[in-house]
């Protein structure tokens, strides 16, 4: 796999942003329906899922995931899985930030501490990648 390059790092960050935006779009889309419920049993749940998939934001969320999956395949061809996969945990950080800013979700201080630890851990993994 040769000398470390900045391109895979950029692709991982793009992947994180796309996957995070996909999560946000899915949440927004499901919220616009008032959520999904299994009150009507399996048939009611499947009907709700079918309605959700047809909403623009849910469709957008799946599309963003599709693009991120294609990019992920390229990343896997360039970077060891033991480096690439933990780096995707940055999507947890981005999702919490976006859900707080856009969806106005409250973020508990303990959650913030956890996000800092995730960033620290990914930084350590990045140092290992750079020193390869």
N, C-alpha and C. Protein backbone atom coordinates (compact mmCIF):
# COMPACT_ATOMS: atom_id res chain seq x y z
N UNK A 1 0.81 -1.19 0.00
CA UNK A 1 0.00 0.00 0.00
C UNK A 1 0.85 1.25 0.00
N UNK A 2 2.14 1.12 0.08
CA UNK A 2 3.04 2.24 -0.16
C UNK A 2 3.03 3.32 0.89
N UNK A 3 3.61 4.42 0.49
CA UNK A 3 3.76 5.59 1.36
C UNK A 3 2.40 6.24 1.63
N UNK A 4 2.15 6.67 2.89
CA UNK A 4 0.88 7.32 3.20
C UNK A 4 0.67 8.57 2.34
N UNK A 5 -0.56 8.78 1.94
CA UNK A 5 -0.91 9.92 1.10
C UNK A 5 -2.02 10.72 1.77
N UNK A 6 -2.12 11.98 1.42
CA UNK A 6 -3.19 12.82 1.95
C UNK A 6 -4.54 12.52 1.29
N UNK A 7 -4.53 11.97 0.10
CA UNK A 7 -5.78 11.71 -0.63
C UNK A 7 -6.70 10.77 0.15
N UNK A 8 -6.21 9.62 0.67
CA UNK A 8 -7.13 8.77 1.45
C UNK A 8 -7.69 9.47 2.69
N UNK A 9 -6.90 10.31 3.31
CA UNK A 9 -7.38 11.05 4.49
C UNK A 9 -8.52 11.97 4.09
N UNK A 10 -8.36 12.67 2.97
CA UNK A 10 -9.41 13.56 2.47
C UNK A 10 -10.66 12.76 2.12
N UNK A 11 -10.46 11.61 1.47
CA UNK A 11 -11.60 10.75 1.12
C UNK A 11 -12.33 10.25 2.35
N UNK A 12 -11.58 9.90 3.40
CA UNK A 12 -12.22 9.47 4.65
C UNK A 12 -13.05 10.60 5.23
N UNK A 13 -12.52 11.82 5.21
CA UNK A 13 -13.27 12.96 5.73
C UNK A 13 -14.52 13.24 4.88
N UNK A 14 -14.40 13.13 3.57
CA UNK A 14 -15.56 13.29 2.69
C UNK A 14 -16.59 12.22 3.00
N UNK A 15 -16.13 11.00 3.20
CA UNK A 15 -17.02 9.89 3.54
C UNK A 15 -17.74 10.16 4.85
N UNK A 16 -17.02 10.66 5.83
CA UNK A 16 -17.62 10.98 7.14
C UNK A 16 -18.72 12.04 6.97
N UNK A 17 -18.44 13.08 6.19
CA UNK A 17 -19.42 14.15 5.98
C UNK A 17 -20.65 13.62 5.26
N UNK A 18 -20.45 12.81 4.21
CA UNK A 18 -21.58 12.27 3.45
C UNK A 18 -22.44 11.35 4.32
N UNK A 19 -21.80 10.46 5.07
CA UNK A 19 -22.55 9.54 5.93
C UNK A 19 -23.30 10.32 7.02
N UNK A 20 -22.67 11.33 7.57
CA UNK A 20 -23.31 12.14 8.62
C UNK A 20 -24.49 12.93 8.05
N UNK A 21 -24.31 13.51 6.89
CA UNK A 21 -25.41 14.23 6.24
C UNK A 21 -26.54 13.26 5.91
N UNK A 22 -26.19 12.04 5.53
CA UNK A 22 -27.20 11.02 5.27
C UNK A 22 -28.01 10.71 6.52
N UNK A 23 -27.34 10.59 7.66
CA UNK A 23 -28.04 10.34 8.92
C UNK A 23 -29.00 11.49 9.25
N UNK A 24 -28.51 12.70 9.07
CA UNK A 24 -29.33 13.87 9.36
C UNK A 24 -30.55 13.91 8.45
N UNK A 25 -30.36 13.63 7.17
CA UNK A 25 -31.47 13.62 6.22
C UNK A 25 -32.49 12.54 6.57
N UNK A 26 -32.00 11.35 6.96
CA UNK A 26 -32.92 10.28 7.35
C UNK A 26 -33.74 10.69 8.57
N UNK A 27 -33.09 11.25 9.57
CA UNK A 27 -33.79 11.68 10.79
C UNK A 27 -34.82 12.76 10.47
N UNK A 28 -34.42 13.74 9.68
CA UNK A 28 -35.33 14.83 9.31
C UNK A 28 -36.54 14.27 8.54
N UNK A 29 -36.27 13.36 7.62
CA UNK A 29 -37.34 12.77 6.82
C UNK A 29 -38.32 11.97 7.65
N UNK A 30 -37.81 11.16 8.56
CA UNK A 30 -38.68 10.35 9.42
C UNK A 30 -39.46 11.26 10.37
N UNK A 31 -38.79 12.30 10.89
CA UNK A 31 -39.49 13.25 11.76
C UNK A 31 -40.64 13.95 11.03
N UNK A 32 -40.44 14.24 9.73
CA UNK A 32 -41.47 14.93 8.96
C UNK A 32 -42.73 14.08 8.82
N UNK A 33 -42.59 12.76 9.00
CA UNK A 33 -43.74 11.87 8.94
C UNK A 33 -44.38 11.68 10.31
N UNK A 34 -43.74 12.20 11.32
CA UNK A 34 -44.23 11.96 12.68
C UNK A 34 -43.67 10.68 13.26
N UNK A 35 -42.65 10.14 12.63
CA UNK A 35 -42.01 8.90 13.10
C UNK A 35 -42.64 7.67 12.47
N UNK A 36 -42.08 6.53 12.81
CA UNK A 36 -42.61 5.24 12.37
C UNK A 36 -43.17 4.52 13.58
N UNK A 37 -44.22 3.79 13.38
CA UNK A 37 -44.85 3.09 14.49
C UNK A 37 -45.19 1.67 14.09
N UNK A 38 -45.08 0.78 15.05
CA UNK A 38 -45.46 -0.63 14.82
C UNK A 38 -46.82 -0.90 15.42
N UNK A 39 -47.61 0.17 15.68
CA UNK A 39 -48.94 -0.02 16.27
C UNK A 39 -49.83 -0.91 15.41
N UNK A 40 -49.70 -0.81 14.10
CA UNK A 40 -50.52 -1.61 13.19
C UNK A 40 -49.88 -2.96 12.89
N UNK A 41 -48.93 -3.39 13.70
CA UNK A 41 -48.25 -4.65 13.47
C UNK A 41 -47.24 -4.52 12.35
N UNK A 42 -46.82 -5.66 11.85
CA UNK A 42 -45.80 -5.68 10.80
C UNK A 42 -46.28 -4.97 9.54
N UNK A 43 -47.54 -5.14 9.20
CA UNK A 43 -48.09 -4.49 8.00
C UNK A 43 -48.04 -2.98 8.14
N UNK A 44 -48.41 -2.47 9.32
CA UNK A 44 -48.38 -1.03 9.56
C UNK A 44 -46.96 -0.49 9.51
N UNK A 45 -46.03 -1.24 10.09
CA UNK A 45 -44.63 -0.81 10.09
C UNK A 45 -44.08 -0.78 8.67
N UNK A 46 -44.34 -1.82 7.89
CA UNK A 46 -43.87 -1.87 6.50
C UNK A 46 -44.50 -0.75 5.67
N UNK A 47 -45.75 -0.44 5.93
CA UNK A 47 -46.41 0.65 5.23
C UNK A 47 -45.74 1.98 5.57
N UNK A 48 -45.40 2.17 6.85
CA UNK A 48 -44.72 3.38 7.28
C UNK A 48 -43.34 3.50 6.66
N UNK A 49 -42.64 2.39 6.57
CA UNK A 49 -41.31 2.39 5.96
C UNK A 49 -41.42 2.75 4.48
N UNK A 50 -42.40 2.18 3.80
CA UNK A 50 -42.60 2.49 2.38
C UNK A 50 -42.89 3.97 2.18
N UNK A 51 -43.72 4.54 3.06
CA UNK A 51 -44.00 5.98 2.99
C UNK A 51 -42.73 6.79 3.23
N UNK A 52 -41.94 6.36 4.22
CA UNK A 52 -40.71 7.08 4.56
C UNK A 52 -39.74 7.09 3.40
N UNK A 53 -39.56 5.97 2.74
CA UNK A 53 -38.60 5.87 1.64
C UNK A 53 -38.99 6.81 0.51
N UNK A 54 -40.26 7.09 0.39
CA UNK A 54 -40.73 7.97 -0.69
C UNK A 54 -40.63 9.45 -0.35
N UNK A 55 -40.26 9.78 0.88
CA UNK A 55 -40.11 11.20 1.21
C UNK A 55 -38.75 11.69 0.70
N UNK A 56 -38.68 12.94 0.29
CA UNK A 56 -37.43 13.44 -0.30
C UNK A 56 -36.22 13.34 0.63
N UNK A 57 -36.39 13.64 1.91
CA UNK A 57 -35.23 13.62 2.80
C UNK A 57 -34.73 12.21 3.08
N UNK A 58 -35.64 11.26 3.22
CA UNK A 58 -35.21 9.87 3.42
C UNK A 58 -34.53 9.36 2.16
N UNK A 59 -35.10 9.68 1.01
CA UNK A 59 -34.48 9.29 -0.25
C UNK A 59 -33.08 9.90 -0.37
N UNK A 60 -32.95 11.19 -0.01
CA UNK A 60 -31.66 11.86 -0.03
C UNK A 60 -30.67 11.17 0.91
N UNK A 61 -31.13 10.81 2.09
CA UNK A 61 -30.28 10.11 3.06
C UNK A 61 -29.72 8.82 2.48
N UNK A 62 -30.58 8.03 1.85
CA UNK A 62 -30.11 6.79 1.23
C UNK A 62 -29.15 7.06 0.07
N UNK A 63 -29.42 8.10 -0.69
CA UNK A 63 -28.54 8.46 -1.81
C UNK A 63 -27.15 8.85 -1.29
N UNK A 64 -27.12 9.64 -0.22
CA UNK A 64 -25.83 10.03 0.36
C UNK A 64 -25.07 8.80 0.86
N UNK A 65 -25.79 7.86 1.48
CA UNK A 65 -25.15 6.62 1.91
C UNK A 65 -24.60 5.84 0.72
N UNK A 66 -25.35 5.83 -0.38
CA UNK A 66 -24.88 5.12 -1.57
C UNK A 66 -23.58 5.70 -2.10
N UNK A 67 -23.51 7.01 -2.17
CA UNK A 67 -22.28 7.67 -2.62
C UNK A 67 -21.14 7.39 -1.64
N UNK A 68 -21.44 7.45 -0.35
CA UNK A 68 -20.39 7.19 0.64
C UNK A 68 -19.91 5.75 0.57
N UNK A 69 -20.79 4.82 0.22
CA UNK A 69 -20.38 3.42 0.08
C UNK A 69 -19.42 3.24 -1.09
N UNK A 70 -19.68 3.94 -2.18
CA UNK A 70 -18.78 3.87 -3.34
C UNK A 70 -17.41 4.45 -2.98
N UNK A 71 -17.40 5.58 -2.29
CA UNK A 71 -16.13 6.17 -1.85
C UNK A 71 -15.43 5.23 -0.88
N UNK A 72 -16.20 4.58 -0.02
CA UNK A 72 -15.64 3.65 0.97
C UNK A 72 -14.88 2.52 0.28
N UNK A 73 -15.42 2.01 -0.80
CA UNK A 73 -14.72 0.95 -1.54
C UNK A 73 -13.36 1.43 -2.02
N UNK A 74 -13.30 2.66 -2.50
CA UNK A 74 -12.02 3.21 -2.94
C UNK A 74 -11.07 3.37 -1.75
N UNK A 75 -11.59 3.85 -0.64
CA UNK A 75 -10.77 4.00 0.57
C UNK A 75 -10.17 2.65 0.97
N UNK A 76 -11.01 1.62 0.96
CA UNK A 76 -10.53 0.29 1.36
C UNK A 76 -9.43 -0.23 0.44
N UNK A 77 -9.44 0.21 -0.80
CA UNK A 77 -8.39 -0.23 -1.72
C UNK A 77 -7.08 0.51 -1.48
N UNK A 78 -7.13 1.60 -0.71
CA UNK A 78 -5.95 2.43 -0.50
C UNK A 78 -5.38 2.38 0.92
N UNK A 79 -6.24 2.06 1.90
CA UNK A 79 -5.85 2.18 3.31
C UNK A 79 -6.17 0.88 4.03
N UNK A 80 -5.31 0.53 4.97
CA UNK A 80 -5.58 -0.67 5.78
C UNK A 80 -6.90 -0.48 6.53
N UNK A 81 -7.66 -1.54 6.65
CA UNK A 81 -8.94 -1.48 7.34
C UNK A 81 -8.76 -1.07 8.80
N UNK A 82 -7.66 -1.49 9.40
CA UNK A 82 -7.40 -1.15 10.80
C UNK A 82 -7.15 0.35 11.00
N UNK A 83 -6.89 1.06 9.93
CA UNK A 83 -6.75 2.52 9.99
C UNK A 83 -8.06 3.19 9.54
N UNK A 84 -8.61 2.73 8.43
CA UNK A 84 -9.78 3.39 7.83
C UNK A 84 -11.02 3.26 8.70
N UNK A 85 -11.31 2.08 9.19
CA UNK A 85 -12.58 1.87 9.89
C UNK A 85 -12.69 2.69 11.18
N UNK A 86 -11.67 2.69 12.03
CA UNK A 86 -11.80 3.55 13.23
C UNK A 86 -11.95 5.03 12.89
N UNK A 87 -11.42 5.46 11.77
CA UNK A 87 -11.53 6.86 11.37
C UNK A 87 -12.97 7.25 11.08
N UNK A 88 -13.77 6.30 10.68
CA UNK A 88 -15.18 6.57 10.39
C UNK A 88 -15.93 6.95 11.67
N UNK A 89 -15.35 6.66 12.83
CA UNK A 89 -16.01 7.05 14.09
C UNK A 89 -16.13 8.57 14.21
N UNK A 90 -15.40 9.30 13.39
CA UNK A 90 -15.57 10.76 13.39
C UNK A 90 -16.99 11.14 12.97
N UNK A 91 -17.69 10.22 12.29
CA UNK A 91 -19.08 10.53 11.92
C UNK A 91 -19.94 10.69 13.16
N UNK A 92 -19.61 10.00 14.27
CA UNK A 92 -20.35 10.21 15.51
C UNK A 92 -20.24 11.67 15.95
N UNK A 93 -19.05 12.20 15.85
CA UNK A 93 -18.79 13.58 16.25
C UNK A 93 -19.58 14.54 15.35
N UNK A 94 -19.50 14.33 14.06
CA UNK A 94 -20.18 15.22 13.10
C UNK A 94 -21.70 15.14 13.28
N UNK A 95 -22.23 13.94 13.49
CA UNK A 95 -23.68 13.78 13.66
C UNK A 95 -24.16 14.52 14.90
N UNK A 96 -23.43 14.41 15.99
CA UNK A 96 -23.85 15.11 17.21
C UNK A 96 -23.82 16.62 17.00
N UNK A 97 -22.77 17.11 16.36
CA UNK A 97 -22.67 18.56 16.10
C UNK A 97 -23.82 19.02 15.20
N UNK A 98 -24.06 18.29 14.11
CA UNK A 98 -25.13 18.67 13.19
C UNK A 98 -26.51 18.54 13.82
N UNK A 99 -26.74 17.48 14.58
CA UNK A 99 -28.06 17.31 15.20
C UNK A 99 -28.31 18.39 16.24
N UNK A 100 -27.26 18.85 16.89
CA UNK A 100 -27.41 19.94 17.85
C UNK A 100 -27.69 21.26 17.11
N UNK A 101 -26.93 21.52 16.05
CA UNK A 101 -27.06 22.79 15.33
C UNK A 101 -28.33 22.86 14.49
N UNK A 102 -28.68 21.77 13.81
CA UNK A 102 -29.80 21.82 12.86
C UNK A 102 -31.11 21.33 13.47
N UNK A 103 -31.05 20.22 14.21
CA UNK A 103 -32.27 19.66 14.79
C UNK A 103 -32.55 20.18 16.19
N UNK A 104 -31.63 21.00 16.70
CA UNK A 104 -31.76 21.60 18.03
C UNK A 104 -31.83 20.56 19.15
N UNK A 105 -31.14 19.43 18.95
CA UNK A 105 -31.07 18.42 20.00
C UNK A 105 -30.09 18.88 21.08
N UNK A 106 -30.43 18.58 22.31
CA UNK A 106 -29.55 18.94 23.43
C UNK A 106 -28.42 17.92 23.52
N UNK A 107 -27.22 18.40 23.83
CA UNK A 107 -26.05 17.54 23.96
C UNK A 107 -25.57 17.61 25.41
N UNK A 108 -25.54 16.48 26.05
CA UNK A 108 -25.12 16.39 27.45
C UNK A 108 -23.60 16.55 27.54
N UNK A 109 -23.10 17.18 28.59
CA UNK A 109 -21.65 17.34 28.75
C UNK A 109 -20.86 16.03 28.71
N UNK A 110 -21.45 14.96 29.20
CA UNK A 110 -20.77 13.66 29.13
C UNK A 110 -20.60 13.22 27.67
N UNK A 111 -21.59 13.54 26.85
CA UNK A 111 -21.50 13.23 25.42
C UNK A 111 -20.35 14.01 24.79
N UNK A 112 -20.23 15.27 25.18
CA UNK A 112 -19.13 16.10 24.65
C UNK A 112 -17.79 15.49 25.05
N UNK A 113 -17.68 15.03 26.29
CA UNK A 113 -16.43 14.38 26.73
C UNK A 113 -16.14 13.14 25.88
N UNK A 114 -17.17 12.37 25.59
CA UNK A 114 -16.99 11.19 24.75
C UNK A 114 -16.53 11.55 23.35
N UNK A 115 -17.08 12.63 22.81
CA UNK A 115 -16.69 13.08 21.47
C UNK A 115 -15.23 13.52 21.45
N UNK A 116 -14.80 14.17 22.51
CA UNK A 116 -13.40 14.59 22.61
C UNK A 116 -12.50 13.35 22.63
N UNK A 117 -12.91 12.33 23.37
CA UNK A 117 -12.13 11.08 23.40
C UNK A 117 -12.06 10.42 22.03
N UNK A 118 -13.18 10.43 21.30
CA UNK A 118 -13.18 9.87 19.94
C UNK A 118 -12.18 10.63 19.07
N UNK A 119 -12.22 11.95 19.13
CA UNK A 119 -11.29 12.76 18.33
C UNK A 119 -9.84 12.46 18.71
N UNK A 120 -9.58 12.33 20.00
CA UNK A 120 -8.24 12.00 20.47
C UNK A 120 -7.81 10.63 19.95
N UNK A 121 -8.70 9.65 20.03
CA UNK A 121 -8.37 8.31 19.54
C UNK A 121 -8.09 8.28 18.05
N UNK A 122 -8.92 8.97 17.28
CA UNK A 122 -8.71 9.02 15.83
C UNK A 122 -7.40 9.75 15.51
N UNK A 123 -7.08 10.77 16.30
CA UNK A 123 -5.80 11.47 16.11
C UNK A 123 -4.62 10.52 16.33
N UNK A 124 -4.71 9.69 17.35
CA UNK A 124 -3.64 8.71 17.59
C UNK A 124 -3.51 7.73 16.44
N UNK A 125 -4.65 7.30 15.89
CA UNK A 125 -4.64 6.39 14.74
C UNK A 125 -3.99 7.10 13.55
N UNK A 126 -4.32 8.38 13.37
CA UNK A 126 -3.74 9.17 12.28
C UNK A 126 -2.23 9.31 12.41
N UNK A 127 -1.76 9.49 13.65
CA UNK A 127 -0.30 9.57 13.87
C UNK A 127 0.35 8.26 13.48
N UNK A 128 -0.30 7.15 13.83
CA UNK A 128 0.23 5.84 13.43
C UNK A 128 0.26 5.67 11.92
N UNK A 129 -0.76 6.18 11.24
CA UNK A 129 -0.81 6.10 9.78
C UNK A 129 0.30 6.96 9.16
N UNK A 130 0.48 8.15 9.69
CA UNK A 130 1.49 9.07 9.15
C UNK A 130 2.91 8.57 9.37
N UNK A 131 3.12 7.83 10.45
CA UNK A 131 4.49 7.37 10.75
C UNK A 131 4.80 6.01 10.10
N UNK A 132 3.90 5.55 9.27
CA UNK A 132 4.06 4.24 8.60
C UNK A 132 5.30 4.22 7.72
